[in-house]
Amino acid sequence: MSAPRVQLTDDEWRQKLTPEEFAVLRQAGTEPPFTGEYTDTKTEGVYECRACGAELFRSSEKFESHCGWPSFFDPADSDAVILRPDDSMGMRRVEVLCANCHSHLGHVFEGEGYPTPTDQRYCINSICLKLVPSS
């Protein structure tokens, strides 16, 4: 994996992010299900990385998965995110990271039967995102 374009020390990230944002974005935490700001929003726009502002997802790829977190079937750009194996928590998953700053966003799952073009569910923590509504 190449080095992130945005590189800050943990202390610099702590100054930039709230403690809750830092715990998820920089320490790979997870917000509780059904509590995030964007879980059920239908506002059209672009979802940016809350840590660095990079464009990650668009509302046109968001769908209702009823899993408790915002779900997307594809990133805005194939280079917007990095996928890496995650064998934590006693299971095999694929972690989703912001390609620009390598912040943790969530996980991607395949083959769950959702009626989407990619058969993928990018399960992303709301706290990792900032929605910029379309004008």
C-alpha atoms as a PDB file:
ATOM      1  CA  MET A   1       0.000   0.000   0.000  1.00  0.00           C
ATOM      2  CA  SER A   2       1.438   3.376  -0.978  1.00  0.00           C
ATOM      3  CA  ALA A   3       1.870   6.191   1.526  1.00  0.00           C
ATOM      4  CA  PRO A   4      -1.137   8.458   2.114  1.00  0.00           C
ATOM      5  CA  ARG A   5      -1.125  11.891   0.461  1.00  0.00           C
ATOM      6  CA  VAL A   6      -2.277  13.449   3.743  1.00  0.00           C
ATOM      7  CA  GLN A   7       0.035  12.475   6.585  1.00  0.00           C
ATOM      8  CA  LEU A   8      -0.455  13.835  10.095  1.00  0.00           C
ATOM      9  CA  THR A   9       0.794  12.665  13.469  1.00  0.00           C
ATOM     10  CA  ASP A  10      -1.707  11.225  15.939  1.00  0.00           C
ATOM     11  CA  ASP A  11      -1.501  14.495  17.895  1.00  0.00           C
ATOM     12  CA  GLU A  12      -2.298  16.495  14.747  1.00  0.00           C
ATOM     13  CA  TRP A  13      -5.246  14.187  13.973  1.00  0.00           C
ATOM     14  CA  ARG A  14      -6.482  14.613  17.555  1.00  0.00           C
ATOM     15  CA  GLN A  15      -6.453  18.402  17.091  1.00  0.00           C
ATOM     16  CA  LYS A  16      -8.393  18.116  13.830  1.00  0.00           C
ATOM     17  CA  LEU A  17     -10.960  15.475  14.852  1.00  0.00           C
ATOM     18  CA  THR A  18     -13.330  15.021  17.783  1.00  0.00           C
ATOM     19  CA  PRO A  19     -12.497  12.116  20.124  1.00  0.00           C
ATOM     20  CA  GLU A  20     -15.347  10.094  18.555  1.00  0.00           C
ATOM     21  CA  GLU A  21     -14.125  10.804  15.002  1.00  0.00           C
ATOM     22  CA  PHE A  22     -10.542   9.933  15.970  1.00  0.00           C
ATOM     23  CA  ALA A  23     -11.632   6.617  17.517  1.00  0.00           C
ATOM     24  CA  VAL A  24     -13.315   5.496  14.292  1.00  0.00           C
ATOM     25  CA  LEU A  25     -11.227   7.160  11.573  1.00  0.00           C
ATOM     26  CA  ARG A  26      -7.760   6.701  13.065  1.00  0.00           C
ATOM     27  CA  GLN A  27      -8.238   3.701  15.392  1.00  0.00           C
ATOM     28  CA  ALA A  28     -10.606   1.611  13.226  1.00  0.00           C
ATOM     29  CA  GLY A  29     -13.498   1.828  15.654  1.00  0.00           C
ATOM     30  CA  THR A  30     -17.174   1.456  14.749  1.00  0.00           C
ATOM     31  CA  GLU A  31     -20.043   3.735  15.658  1.00  0.00           C
ATOM     32  CA  PRO A  32     -23.116   2.017  17.119  1.00  0.00           C
ATOM     33  CA  PRO A  33     -25.642   0.889  14.463  1.00  0.00           C
ATOM     34  CA  PHE A  34     -28.624   3.130  13.665  1.00  0.00           C
ATOM     35  CA  THR A  35     -27.026   6.154  15.384  1.00  0.00           C
ATOM     36  CA  GLY A  36     -25.128   7.798  12.526  1.00  0.00           C
ATOM     37  CA  GLU A  37     -26.115  11.079  10.925  1.00  0.00           C
ATOM     38  CA  TYR A  38     -26.305   9.638   7.387  1.00  0.00           C
ATOM     39  CA  THR A  39     -27.804   6.191   8.004  1.00  0.00           C
ATOM     40  CA  ASP A  40     -31.207   7.122   6.568  1.00  0.00           C
ATOM     41  CA  THR A  41     -30.560  10.412   4.748  1.00  0.00           C
ATOM     42  CA  LYS A  42     -31.750  10.705   1.168  1.00  0.00           C
ATOM     43  CA  THR A  43     -30.141  14.102   0.484  1.00  0.00           C
ATOM     44  CA  GLU A  44     -28.428  14.212  -2.909  1.00  0.00           C
ATOM     45  CA  GLY A  45     -24.770  15.102  -2.931  1.00  0.00           C
ATOM     46  CA  VAL A  46     -21.215  13.947  -2.454  1.00  0.00           C
ATOM     47  CA  TYR A  47     -19.892  12.177   0.620  1.00  0.00           C
ATOM     48  CA  GLU A  48     -16.386  13.313   1.534  1.00  0.00           C
ATOM     49  CA  CYS A  49     -13.891  11.914   4.025  1.00  0.00           C
ATOM     50  CA  ARG A  50     -14.444  13.786   7.286  1.00  0.00           C
ATOM     51  CA  ALA A  51     -10.714  13.593   8.029  1.00  0.00           C
ATOM     52  CA  CYS A  52      -9.278  14.991   4.781  1.00  0.00           C
ATOM     53  CA  GLY A  53     -12.137  16.115   2.508  1.00  0.00           C
ATOM     54  CA  ALA A  54     -11.493  13.638  -0.324  1.00  0.00           C
ATOM     55  CA  GLU A  55     -14.550  12.648  -2.380  1.00  0.00           C
ATOM     56  CA  LEU A  56     -15.480   9.067  -1.501  1.00  0.00           C
ATOM     57  CA  PHE A  57     -19.079   8.260  -2.432  1.00  0.00           C
ATOM     58  CA  ARG A  58     -22.081   9.853  -4.141  1.00  0.00           C
ATOM     59  CA  SER A  59     -25.706   9.733  -3.086  1.00  0.00           C
ATOM     60  CA  SER A  60     -26.554   8.059  -6.419  1.00  0.00           C
ATOM     61  CA  GLU A  61     -24.697   4.937  -5.189  1.00  0.00           C
ATOM     62  CA  LYS A  62     -26.265   4.944  -1.712  1.00  0.00           C
ATOM     63  CA  PHE A  63     -28.954   2.370  -0.970  1.00  0.00           C
ATOM     64  CA  GLU A  64     -31.078   1.196   1.940  1.00  0.00           C
ATOM     65  CA  SER A  65     -29.518  -1.924   3.396  1.00  0.00           C
ATOM     66  CA  HIS A  66     -31.243  -1.704   6.805  1.00  0.00           C
ATOM     67  CA  CYS A  67     -27.953  -2.718   8.447  1.00  0.00           C
ATOM     68  CA  GLY A  68     -27.579   0.362  10.665  1.00  0.00           C
ATOM     69  CA  TRP A  69     -24.890   2.191   8.699  1.00  0.00           C
ATOM     70  CA  PRO A  70     -24.884   4.101   5.399  1.00  0.00           C
ATOM     71  CA  SER A  71     -24.405   1.668   2.520  1.00  0.00           C
ATOM     72  CA  PHE A  72     -23.084   2.306  -0.971  1.00  0.00           C
ATOM     73  CA  PHE A  73     -22.670  -0.120  -3.861  1.00  0.00           C
ATOM     74  CA  ASP A  74     -19.626   1.615  -5.366  1.00  0.00           C
ATOM     75  CA  PRO A  75     -17.166   4.398  -4.498  1.00  0.00           C
ATOM     76  CA  ALA A  76     -17.322   7.665  -6.454  1.00  0.00           C
ATOM     77  CA  ASP A  77     -14.002   6.784  -8.098  1.00  0.00           C
ATOM     78  CA  SER A  78     -12.272   3.406  -8.099  1.00  0.00           C
ATOM     79  CA  ASP A  79      -9.145   5.083  -6.681  1.00  0.00           C
ATOM     80  CA  ALA A  80     -11.045   6.874  -3.868  1.00  0.00           C
ATOM     81  CA  VAL A  81     -10.714   3.971  -1.445  1.00  0.00           C
ATOM     82  CA  ILE A  82      -8.237   1.248  -0.575  1.00  0.00           C
ATOM     83  CA  LEU A  83      -9.412  -2.243   0.328  1.00  0.00           C
ATOM     84  CA  ARG A  84      -7.359  -4.439   2.631  1.00  0.00           C
ATOM     85  CA  PRO A  85      -7.930  -7.742   4.411  1.00  0.00           C
ATOM     86  CA  ASP A  86      -9.143  -7.468   8.001  1.00  0.00           C
ATOM     87  CA  ASP A  87      -9.006 -10.620  10.110  1.00  0.00           C
ATOM     88  CA  SER A  88      -9.877  -8.906  13.398  1.00  0.00           C
ATOM     89  CA  MET A  89     -12.875  -9.784  15.575  1.00  0.00           C
ATOM     90  CA  GLY A  90     -12.548 -13.483  14.724  1.00  0.00           C
ATOM     91  CA  MET A  91     -13.803 -13.093  11.154  1.00  0.00           C
ATOM     92  CA  ARG A  92     -12.514 -12.374   7.678  1.00  0.00           C
ATOM     93  CA  ARG A  93     -13.637  -9.010   6.308  1.00  0.00           C
ATOM     94  CA  VAL A  94     -12.386  -6.383   3.883  1.00  0.00           C
ATOM     95  CA  GLU A  95     -11.622  -2.998   5.416  1.00  0.00           C
ATOM     96  CA  VAL A  96     -12.311   0.203   3.470  1.00  0.00           C
ATOM     97  CA  LEU A  97      -9.797   3.049   3.865  1.00  0.00           C
ATOM     98  CA  CYS A  98      -9.712   6.545   2.404  1.00  0.00           C
ATOM     99  CA  ALA A  99      -7.023   6.436  -0.301  1.00  0.00           C
ATOM    100  CA  ASN A 100      -6.048  10.048   0.431  1.00  0.00           C
ATOM    101  CA  CYS A 101      -5.366   9.835   4.196  1.00  0.00           C
ATOM    102  CA  HIS A 102      -5.702   6.089   4.968  1.00  0.00           C
ATOM    103  CA  SER A 103      -8.430   6.710   7.546  1.00  0.00           C
ATOM    104  CA  HIS A 104     -10.684   3.774   8.404  1.00  0.00           C
ATOM    105  CA  LEU A 105     -14.165   4.124   6.880  1.00  0.00           C
ATOM    106  CA  GLY A 106     -15.813   0.739   7.386  1.00  0.00           C
ATOM    107  CA  HIS A 107     -15.969  -2.570   5.502  1.00  0.00           C
ATOM    108  CA  VAL A 108     -17.170  -3.889   2.155  1.00  0.00           C
ATOM    109  CA  PHE A 109     -19.208  -7.083   1.817  1.00  0.00           C
ATOM    110  CA  GLU A 110     -20.133  -9.091  -1.289  1.00  0.00           C
ATOM    111  CA  GLY A 111     -22.734 -11.654  -2.233  1.00  0.00           C
ATOM    112  CA  GLU A 112     -25.408 -10.615   0.229  1.00  0.00           C
ATOM    113  CA  GLY A 113     -28.141 -10.500  -2.400  1.00  0.00           C
ATOM    114  CA  TYR A 114     -28.873  -6.773  -2.420  1.00  0.00           C
ATOM    115  CA  PRO A 115     -30.366  -5.654  -5.758  1.00  0.00           C
ATOM    116  CA  THR A 116     -27.451  -3.395  -6.689  1.00  0.00           C
ATOM    117  CA  PRO A 117     -25.319  -3.294  -9.866  1.00  0.00           C
ATOM    118  CA  THR A 118     -22.165  -4.491  -8.073  1.00  0.00           C
ATOM    119  CA  ASP A 119     -23.550  -6.932  -5.456  1.00  0.00           C
ATOM    120  CA  GLN A 120     -21.319  -5.091  -2.984  1.00  0.00           C
ATOM    121  CA  ARG A 121     -22.207  -3.222   0.198  1.00  0.00           C
ATOM    122  CA  TYR A 122     -19.744  -0.609   1.332  1.00  0.00           C
ATOM    123  CA  CYS A 123     -20.833  -0.370   4.962  1.00  0.00           C
ATOM    124  CA  ILE A 124     -19.450   3.009   6.062  1.00  0.00           C
ATOM    125  CA  ASN A 125     -19.558   4.755   9.436  1.00  0.00           C
ATOM    126  CA  SER A 126     -21.487   8.057   9.219  1.00  0.00           C
ATOM    127  CA  ILE A 127     -18.923   9.695  11.484  1.00  0.00           C
ATOM    128  CA  CYS A 128     -16.303   9.136   8.748  1.00  0.00           C
ATOM    129  CA  LEU A 129     -18.304  11.096   6.191  1.00  0.00           C
ATOM    130  CA  LYS A 130     -19.301  14.674   5.478  1.00  0.00           C
ATOM    131  CA  LEU A 131     -22.195  15.139   3.049  1.00  0.00           C
ATOM    132  CA  VAL A 132     -21.898  18.068   0.668  1.00  0.00           C
ATOM    133  CA  PRO A 133     -25.436  18.532  -0.741  1.00  0.00           C
ATOM    134  CA  SER A 134     -25.903  19.127  -4.469  1.00  0.00           C
ATOM    135  CA  SER A 135     -26.734  22.732  -5.285  1.00  0.00           C
END
